[in-house]
Amino acid sequence: MIPVGSKAVREAIKRYQPAVGLHGHIHESRAAQMIGSTLCLNPGSKYSADLLRGAVVDLAADGRYLDFLLTAG
């Protein structure tokens, strides 16, 4: 498997290290991955199966992520 997302977005995440990156362009690629200290989530909706997926992210008061849950409905 090789990354197929935007190299520019990945470099920006590596440089600025936001708490969370929420992505969804590649619909079937449901995943959670750390890039440095940034949690990157792609819920991976599957429109051909009428499946809408999402993510619930729990953040601390200082902006760090605490936990996440990938949802489907």
PDB file of N, CA and C in Angstrom:
ATOM      1  N   MET A   1       0.848  -1.180   0.000  1.00  0.00           N
ATOM      2  CA  MET A   1       0.000   0.000   0.000  1.00  0.00           C
ATOM      3  C   MET A   1       0.892   1.240   0.000  1.00  0.00           C
ATOM      4  N   ILE A   2       0.506   2.208  -0.819  1.00  0.00           N
ATOM      5  CA  ILE A   2       1.233   3.467  -0.869  1.00  0.00           C
ATOM      6  C   ILE A   2       0.265   4.615  -0.640  1.00  0.00           C
ATOM      7  N   PRO A   3       0.724   5.714  -0.045  1.00  0.00           N
ATOM      8  CA  PRO A   3      -0.156   6.868   0.145  1.00  0.00           C
ATOM      9  C   PRO A   3      -0.593   7.440  -1.199  1.00  0.00           C
ATOM     10  N   VAL A   4      -1.868   7.805  -1.309  1.00  0.00           N
ATOM     11  CA  VAL A   4      -2.375   8.377  -2.552  1.00  0.00           C
ATOM     12  C   VAL A   4      -2.962   9.771  -2.333  1.00  0.00           C
ATOM     13  N   GLY A   5      -2.837  10.285  -1.120  1.00  0.00           N
ATOM     14  CA  GLY A   5      -3.357  11.609  -0.816  1.00  0.00           C
ATOM     15  C   GLY A   5      -2.408  12.705  -1.272  1.00  0.00           C
ATOM     16  N   SER A   6      -2.789  13.911  -0.982  1.00  0.00           N
ATOM     17  CA  SER A   6      -2.022  15.095  -1.379  1.00  0.00           C
ATOM     18  C   SER A   6      -0.707  15.174  -0.606  1.00  0.00           C
ATOM     19  N   LYS A   7       0.382  15.265  -1.334  1.00  0.00           N
ATOM     20  CA  LYS A   7       1.697  15.427  -0.705  1.00  0.00           C
ATOM     21  C   LYS A   7       1.789  16.787  -0.015  1.00  0.00           C
ATOM     22  N   ALA A   8       1.173  17.800  -0.595  1.00  0.00           N
ATOM     23  CA  ALA A   8       1.202  19.139  -0.007  1.00  0.00           C
ATOM     24  C   ALA A   8       0.466  19.168   1.327  1.00  0.00           C
ATOM     25  N   VAL A   9      -0.680  18.484   1.401  1.00  0.00           N
ATOM     26  CA  VAL A   9      -1.434  18.426   2.659  1.00  0.00           C
ATOM     27  C   VAL A   9      -0.618  17.683   3.714  1.00  0.00           C
ATOM     28  N   ARG A  10      -0.016  16.558   3.335  1.00  0.00           N
ATOM     29  CA  ARG A  10       0.812  15.793   4.278  1.00  0.00           C
ATOM     30  C   ARG A  10       1.972  16.651   4.799  1.00  0.00           C
ATOM     31  N   GLU A  11       2.625  17.392   3.924  1.00  0.00           N
ATOM     32  CA  GLU A  11       3.742  18.240   4.344  1.00  0.00           C
ATOM     33  C   GLU A  11       3.273  19.354   5.287  1.00  0.00           C
ATOM     34  N   ALA A  12       2.090  19.925   5.019  1.00  0.00           N
ATOM     35  CA  ALA A  12       1.539  20.964   5.903  1.00  0.00           C
ATOM     36  C   ALA A  12       1.233  20.394   7.279  1.00  0.00           C
ATOM     37  N   ILE A  13       0.680  19.180   7.326  1.00  0.00           N
ATOM     38  CA  ILE A  13       0.398  18.528   8.608  1.00  0.00           C
ATOM     39  C   ILE A  13       1.705  18.282   9.356  1.00  0.00           C
ATOM     40  N   LYS A  14       2.720  17.786   8.667  1.00  0.00           N
ATOM     41  CA  LYS A  14       4.012  17.530   9.308  1.00  0.00           C
ATOM     42  C   LYS A  14       4.628  18.824   9.842  1.00  0.00           C
ATOM     43  N   ARG A  15       4.470  19.910   9.092  1.00  0.00           N
ATOM     44  CA  ARG A  15       5.075  21.175   9.488  1.00  0.00           C
ATOM     45  C   ARG A  15       4.351  21.844  10.648  1.00  0.00           C
ATOM     46  N   TYR A  16       3.007  21.906  10.576  1.00  0.00           N
ATOM     47  CA  TYR A  16       2.240  22.669  11.555  1.00  0.00           C
ATOM     48  C   TYR A  16       1.676  21.831  12.705  1.00  0.00           C
ATOM     49  N   GLN A  17       1.595  20.516  12.551  1.00  0.00           N
ATOM     50  CA  GLN A  17       1.141  19.592  13.592  1.00  0.00           C
ATOM     51  C   GLN A  17      -0.173  20.007  14.273  1.00  0.00           C
ATOM     52  N   PRO A  18      -1.265  20.159  13.497  1.00  0.00           N
ATOM     53  CA  PRO A  18      -2.562  20.428  14.141  1.00  0.00           C
ATOM     54  C   PRO A  18      -2.959  19.213  15.000  1.00  0.00           C
ATOM     55  N   ALA A  19      -3.896  19.404  15.894  1.00  0.00           N
ATOM     56  CA  ALA A  19      -4.334  18.297  16.757  1.00  0.00           C
ATOM     57  C   ALA A  19      -4.974  17.184  15.932  1.00  0.00           C
ATOM     58  N   VAL A  20      -5.810  17.573  14.959  1.00  0.00           N
ATOM     59  CA  VAL A  20      -6.568  16.592  14.180  1.00  0.00           C
ATOM     60  C   VAL A  20      -6.625  17.033  12.721  1.00  0.00           C
ATOM     61  N   GLY A  21      -6.543  16.070  11.817  1.00  0.00           N
ATOM     62  CA  GLY A  21      -6.790  16.296  10.399  1.00  0.00           C
ATOM     63  C   GLY A  21      -7.979  15.446   9.990  1.00  0.00           C
ATOM     64  N   LEU A  22      -9.011  16.070   9.462  1.00  0.00           N
ATOM     65  CA  LEU A  22     -10.213  15.345   9.043  1.00  0.00           C
ATOM     66  C   LEU A  22     -10.257  15.333   7.518  1.00  0.00           C
ATOM     67  N   HIS A  23     -10.297  14.153   6.943  1.00  0.00           N
ATOM     68  CA  HIS A  23     -10.192  13.988   5.495  1.00  0.00           C
ATOM     69  C   HIS A  23     -11.312  13.089   4.989  1.00  0.00           C
ATOM     70  N   GLY A  24     -11.566  13.108   3.687  1.00  0.00           N
ATOM     71  CA  GLY A  24     -12.629  12.274   3.181  1.00  0.00           C
ATOM     72  C   GLY A  24     -12.705  12.172   1.680  1.00  0.00           C
ATOM     73  N   HIS A  25     -11.723  12.648   0.958  1.00  0.00           N
ATOM     74  CA  HIS A  25     -11.828  12.630  -0.498  1.00  0.00           C
ATOM     75  C   HIS A  25     -11.806  11.210  -1.062  1.00  0.00           C
ATOM     76  N   ILE A  26     -10.984  10.336  -0.518  1.00  0.00           N
ATOM     77  CA  ILE A  26     -10.924   8.948  -1.000  1.00  0.00           C
ATOM     78  C   ILE A  26     -11.937   8.159  -0.169  1.00  0.00           C
ATOM     79  N   HIS A  27     -13.134   8.022  -0.707  1.00  0.00           N
ATOM     80  CA  HIS A  27     -14.300   7.597   0.064  1.00  0.00           C
ATOM     81  C   HIS A  27     -14.163   6.228   0.707  1.00  0.00           C
ATOM     82  N   GLU A  28     -13.612   5.262   0.027  1.00  0.00           N
ATOM     83  CA  GLU A  28     -13.583   3.913   0.574  1.00  0.00           C
ATOM     84  C   GLU A  28     -12.400   3.661   1.501  1.00  0.00           C
ATOM     85  N   SER A  29     -11.538   4.637   1.699  1.00  0.00           N
ATOM     86  CA  SER A  29     -10.319   4.435   2.483  1.00  0.00           C
ATOM     87  C   SER A  29     -10.512   4.831   3.937  1.00  0.00           C
ATOM     88  N   ARG A  30     -11.315   4.065   4.661  1.00  0.00           N
ATOM     89  CA  ARG A  30     -11.551   4.315   6.080  1.00  0.00           C
ATOM     90  C   ARG A  30     -10.260   4.061   6.848  1.00  0.00           C
ATOM     91  N   ALA A  31      -9.791   5.076   7.587  1.00  0.00           N
ATOM     92  CA  ALA A  31      -8.523   4.905   8.283  1.00  0.00           C
ATOM     93  C   ALA A  31      -8.329   5.956   9.364  1.00  0.00           C
ATOM     94  N   ALA A  32      -7.472   5.609  10.310  1.00  0.00           N
ATOM     95  CA  ALA A  32      -6.975   6.531  11.326  1.00  0.00           C
ATOM     96  C   ALA A  32      -5.469   6.343  11.364  1.00  0.00           C
ATOM     97  N   GLN A  33      -4.744   7.447  11.313  1.00  0.00           N
ATOM     98  CA  GLN A  33      -3.287   7.362  11.266  1.00  0.00           C
ATOM     99  C   GLN A  33      -2.691   8.581  11.946  1.00  0.00           C
ATOM    100  N   MET A  34      -1.579   8.383  12.611  1.00  0.00           N
ATOM    101  CA  MET A  34      -0.844   9.494  13.200  1.00  0.00           C
ATOM    102  C   MET A  34       0.213   9.972  12.203  1.00  0.00           C
ATOM    103  N   ILE A  35       0.297  11.270  12.034  1.00  0.00           N
ATOM    104  CA  ILE A  35       1.397  11.897  11.297  1.00  0.00           C
ATOM    105  C   ILE A  35       2.052  12.814  12.317  1.00  0.00           C
ATOM    106  N   GLY A  36       3.172  12.388  12.868  1.00  0.00           N
ATOM    107  CA  GLY A  36       3.772  13.097  13.993  1.00  0.00           C
ATOM    108  C   GLY A  36       2.818  13.026  15.164  1.00  0.00           C
ATOM    109  N   SER A  37       2.431  14.181  15.710  1.00  0.00           N
ATOM    110  CA  SER A  37       1.474  14.197  16.826  1.00  0.00           C
ATOM    111  C   SER A  37       0.049  14.482  16.362  1.00  0.00           C
ATOM    112  N   THR A  38      -0.183  14.513  15.053  1.00  0.00           N
ATOM    113  CA  THR A  38      -1.507  14.807  14.495  1.00  0.00           C
ATOM    114  C   THR A  38      -2.282  13.523  14.217  1.00  0.00           C
ATOM    115  N   LEU A  39      -3.503  13.440  14.748  1.00  0.00           N
ATOM    116  CA  LEU A  39      -4.405  12.339  14.434  1.00  0.00           C
ATOM    117  C   LEU A  39      -5.108  12.677  13.125  1.00  0.00           C
ATOM    118  N   CYS A  40      -4.941  11.835  12.105  1.00  0.00           N
ATOM    119  CA  CYS A  40      -5.599  12.036  10.815  1.00  0.00           C
ATOM    120  C   CYS A  40      -6.677  10.974  10.642  1.00  0.00           C
ATOM    121  N   LEU A  41      -7.889  11.419  10.342  1.00  0.00           N
ATOM    122  CA  LEU A  41      -9.032  10.519  10.202  1.00  0.00           C
ATOM    123  C   LEU A  41      -9.665  10.668   8.830  1.00  0.00           C
ATOM    124  N   ASN A  42     -10.019   9.544   8.239  1.00  0.00           N
ATOM    125  CA  ASN A  42     -10.828   9.496   7.026  1.00  0.00           C
ATOM    126  C   ASN A  42     -11.950   8.497   7.305  1.00  0.00           C
ATOM    127  N   PRO A  43     -13.172   8.981   7.548  1.00  0.00           N
ATOM    128  CA  PRO A  43     -14.271   8.067   7.853  1.00  0.00           C
ATOM    129  C   PRO A  43     -14.585   7.082   6.729  1.00  0.00           C
ATOM    130  N   GLY A  44     -14.312   7.439   5.479  1.00  0.00           N
ATOM    131  CA  GLY A  44     -14.461   6.514   4.361  1.00  0.00           C
ATOM    132  C   GLY A  44     -15.886   6.165   3.986  1.00  0.00           C
ATOM    133  N   SER A  45     -16.741   7.165   3.750  1.00  0.00           N
ATOM    134  CA  SER A  45     -18.115   6.893   3.324  1.00  0.00           C
ATOM    135  C   SER A  45     -18.125   6.053   2.051  1.00  0.00           C
ATOM    136  N   LYS A  46     -19.153   5.238   1.930  1.00  0.00           N
ATOM    137  CA  LYS A  46     -19.284   4.357   0.774  1.00  0.00           C
ATOM    138  C   LYS A  46     -20.625   4.664   0.109  1.00  0.00           C
ATOM    139  N   TYR A  47     -20.597   5.637  -0.797  1.00  0.00           N
ATOM    140  CA  TYR A  47     -21.835   6.113  -1.398  1.00  0.00           C
ATOM    141  C   TYR A  47     -22.527   5.063  -2.246  1.00  0.00           C
ATOM    142  N   SER A  48     -21.780   4.154  -2.861  1.00  0.00           N
ATOM    143  CA  SER A  48     -22.387   3.108  -3.689  1.00  0.00           C
ATOM    144  C   SER A  48     -23.255   2.166  -2.857  1.00  0.00           C
ATOM    145  N   ALA A  49     -23.008   2.121  -1.553  1.00  0.00           N
ATOM    146  CA  ALA A  49     -23.803   1.283  -0.656  1.00  0.00           C
ATOM    147  C   ALA A  49     -24.703   2.127   0.241  1.00  0.00           C
ATOM    148  N   ASP A  50     -24.874   3.424  -0.102  1.00  0.00           N
ATOM    149  CA  ASP A  50     -25.666   4.355   0.709  1.00  0.00           C
ATOM    150  C   ASP A  50     -25.224   4.351   2.169  1.00  0.00           C
ATOM    151  N   LEU A  51     -23.917   4.292   2.401  1.00  0.00           N
ATOM    152  CA  LEU A  51     -23.365   4.257   3.751  1.00  0.00           C
ATOM    153  C   LEU A  51     -22.592   5.541   4.004  1.00  0.00           C
ATOM    154  N   LEU A  52     -23.099   6.350   4.917  1.00  0.00           N
ATOM    155  CA  LEU A  52     -22.437   7.588   5.297  1.00  0.00           C
ATOM    156  C   LEU A  52     -21.692   7.343   6.602  1.00  0.00           C
ATOM    157  N   ARG A  53     -20.398   7.576   6.586  1.00  0.00           N
ATOM    158  CA  ARG A  53     -19.576   7.370   7.778  1.00  0.00           C
ATOM    159  C   ARG A  53     -19.080   8.716   8.278  1.00  0.00           C
ATOM    160  N   GLY A  54     -18.782   8.764   9.559  1.00  0.00           N
ATOM    161  CA  GLY A  54     -18.300  10.002  10.164  1.00  0.00           C
ATOM    162  C   GLY A  54     -17.318   9.706  11.271  1.00  0.00           C
ATOM    163  N   ALA A  55     -16.941  10.745  11.977  1.00  0.00           N
ATOM    164  CA  ALA A  55     -16.017  10.613  13.099  1.00  0.00           C
ATOM    165  C   ALA A  55     -16.445  11.558  14.207  1.00  0.00           C
ATOM    166  N   VAL A  56     -16.376  11.072  15.427  1.00  0.00           N
ATOM    167  CA  VAL A  56     -16.592  11.891  16.614  1.00  0.00           C
ATOM    168  C   VAL A  56     -15.237  11.990  17.297  1.00  0.00           C
ATOM    169  N   VAL A  57     -14.775  13.217  17.526  1.00  0.00           N
ATOM    170  CA  VAL A  57     -13.453  13.440  18.117  1.00  0.00           C
ATOM    171  C   VAL A  57     -13.628  14.167  19.440  1.00  0.00           C
ATOM    172  N   ASP A  58     -13.031  13.626  20.495  1.00  0.00           N
ATOM    173  CA  ASP A  58     -13.064  14.228  21.822  1.00  0.00           C
ATOM    174  C   ASP A  58     -11.765  15.005  22.013  1.00  0.00           C
ATOM    175  N   LEU A  59     -11.893  16.333  22.206  1.00  0.00           N
ATOM    176  CA  LEU A  59     -10.732  17.199  22.366  1.00  0.00           C
ATOM    177  C   LEU A  59     -10.622  17.700  23.797  1.00  0.00           C
ATOM    178  N   ALA A  60      -9.392  17.848  24.273  1.00  0.00           N
ATOM    179  CA  ALA A  60      -9.137  18.433  25.588  1.00  0.00           C
ATOM    180  C   ALA A  60      -9.286  19.949  25.498  1.00  0.00           C
ATOM    181  N   ALA A  61      -9.348  20.609  26.635  1.00  0.00           N
ATOM    182  CA  ALA A  61      -9.490  22.064  26.670  1.00  0.00           C
ATOM    183  C   ALA A  61      -8.336  22.773  25.955  1.00  0.00           C
ATOM    184  N   ASP A  62      -7.148  22.157  25.959  1.00  0.00           N
ATOM    185  CA  ASP A  62      -5.993  22.781  25.301  1.00  0.00           C
ATOM    186  C   ASP A  62      -5.897  22.432  23.820  1.00  0.00           C
ATOM    187  N   GLY A  63      -6.900  21.700  23.285  1.00  0.00           N
ATOM    188  CA  GLY A  63      -6.939  21.389  21.866  1.00  0.00           C
ATOM    189  C   GLY A  63      -6.367  20.043  21.470  1.00  0.00           C
ATOM    190  N   ARG A  64      -5.717  19.334  22.386  1.00  0.00           N
ATOM    191  CA  ARG A  64      -5.201  18.002  22.057  1.00  0.00           C
ATOM    192  C   ARG A  64      -6.371  17.035  21.906  1.00  0.00           C
ATOM    193  N   TYR A  65      -6.200  16.040  21.023  1.00  0.00           N
ATOM    194  CA  TYR A  65      -7.261  15.052  20.908  1.00  0.00           C
ATOM    195  C   TYR A  65      -7.095  14.028  22.035  1.00  0.00           C
ATOM    196  N   LEU A  66      -8.208  13.571  22.590  1.00  0.00           N
ATOM    197  CA  LEU A  66      -8.206  12.578  23.657  1.00  0.00           C
ATOM    198  C   LEU A  66      -8.577  11.200  23.126  1.00  0.00           C
ATOM    199  N   ASP A  67      -9.603  11.168  22.267  1.00  0.00           N
ATOM    200  CA  ASP A  67     -10.094   9.896  21.748  1.00  0.00           C
ATOM    201  C   ASP A  67     -10.944  10.183  20.515  1.00  0.00           C
ATOM    202  N   PHE A  68     -11.265   9.124  19.764  1.00  0.00           N
ATOM    203  CA  PHE A  68     -12.138   9.286  18.612  1.00  0.00           C
ATOM    204  C   PHE A  68     -12.951   8.021  18.427  1.00  0.00           C
ATOM    205  N   LEU A  69     -14.047   8.169  17.698  1.00  0.00           N
ATOM    206  CA  LEU A  69     -14.925   7.055  17.363  1.00  0.00           C
ATOM    207  C   LEU A  69     -15.331   7.221  15.906  1.00  0.00           C
ATOM    208  N   LEU A  70     -15.101   6.192  15.086  1.00  0.00           N
ATOM    209  CA  LEU A  70     -15.571   6.211  13.696  1.00  0.00           C
ATOM    210  C   LEU A  70     -17.000   5.679  13.699  1.00  0.00           C
ATOM    211  N   THR A  71     -17.917   6.385  13.042  1.00  0.00           N
ATOM    212  CA  THR A  71     -19.338   6.035  13.056  1.00  0.00           C
ATOM    213  C   THR A  71     -19.813   5.646  11.650  1.00  0.00           C
ATOM    214  N   ALA A  72     -20.970   5.035  11.578  1.00  0.00           N
ATOM    215  CA  ALA A  72     -21.576   4.677  10.287  1.00  0.00           C
ATOM    216  C   ALA A  72     -23.088   4.721  10.444  1.00  0.00           C
ATOM    217  N   GLY A  73     -23.767   5.096   9.367  1.00  0.00           N
ATOM    218  CA  GLY A  73     -25.212   5.127   9.442  1.00  0.00           C
ATOM    219  C   GLY A  73     -25.837   5.334   8.088  1.00  0.00           C
TER     220      GLY A  73
END
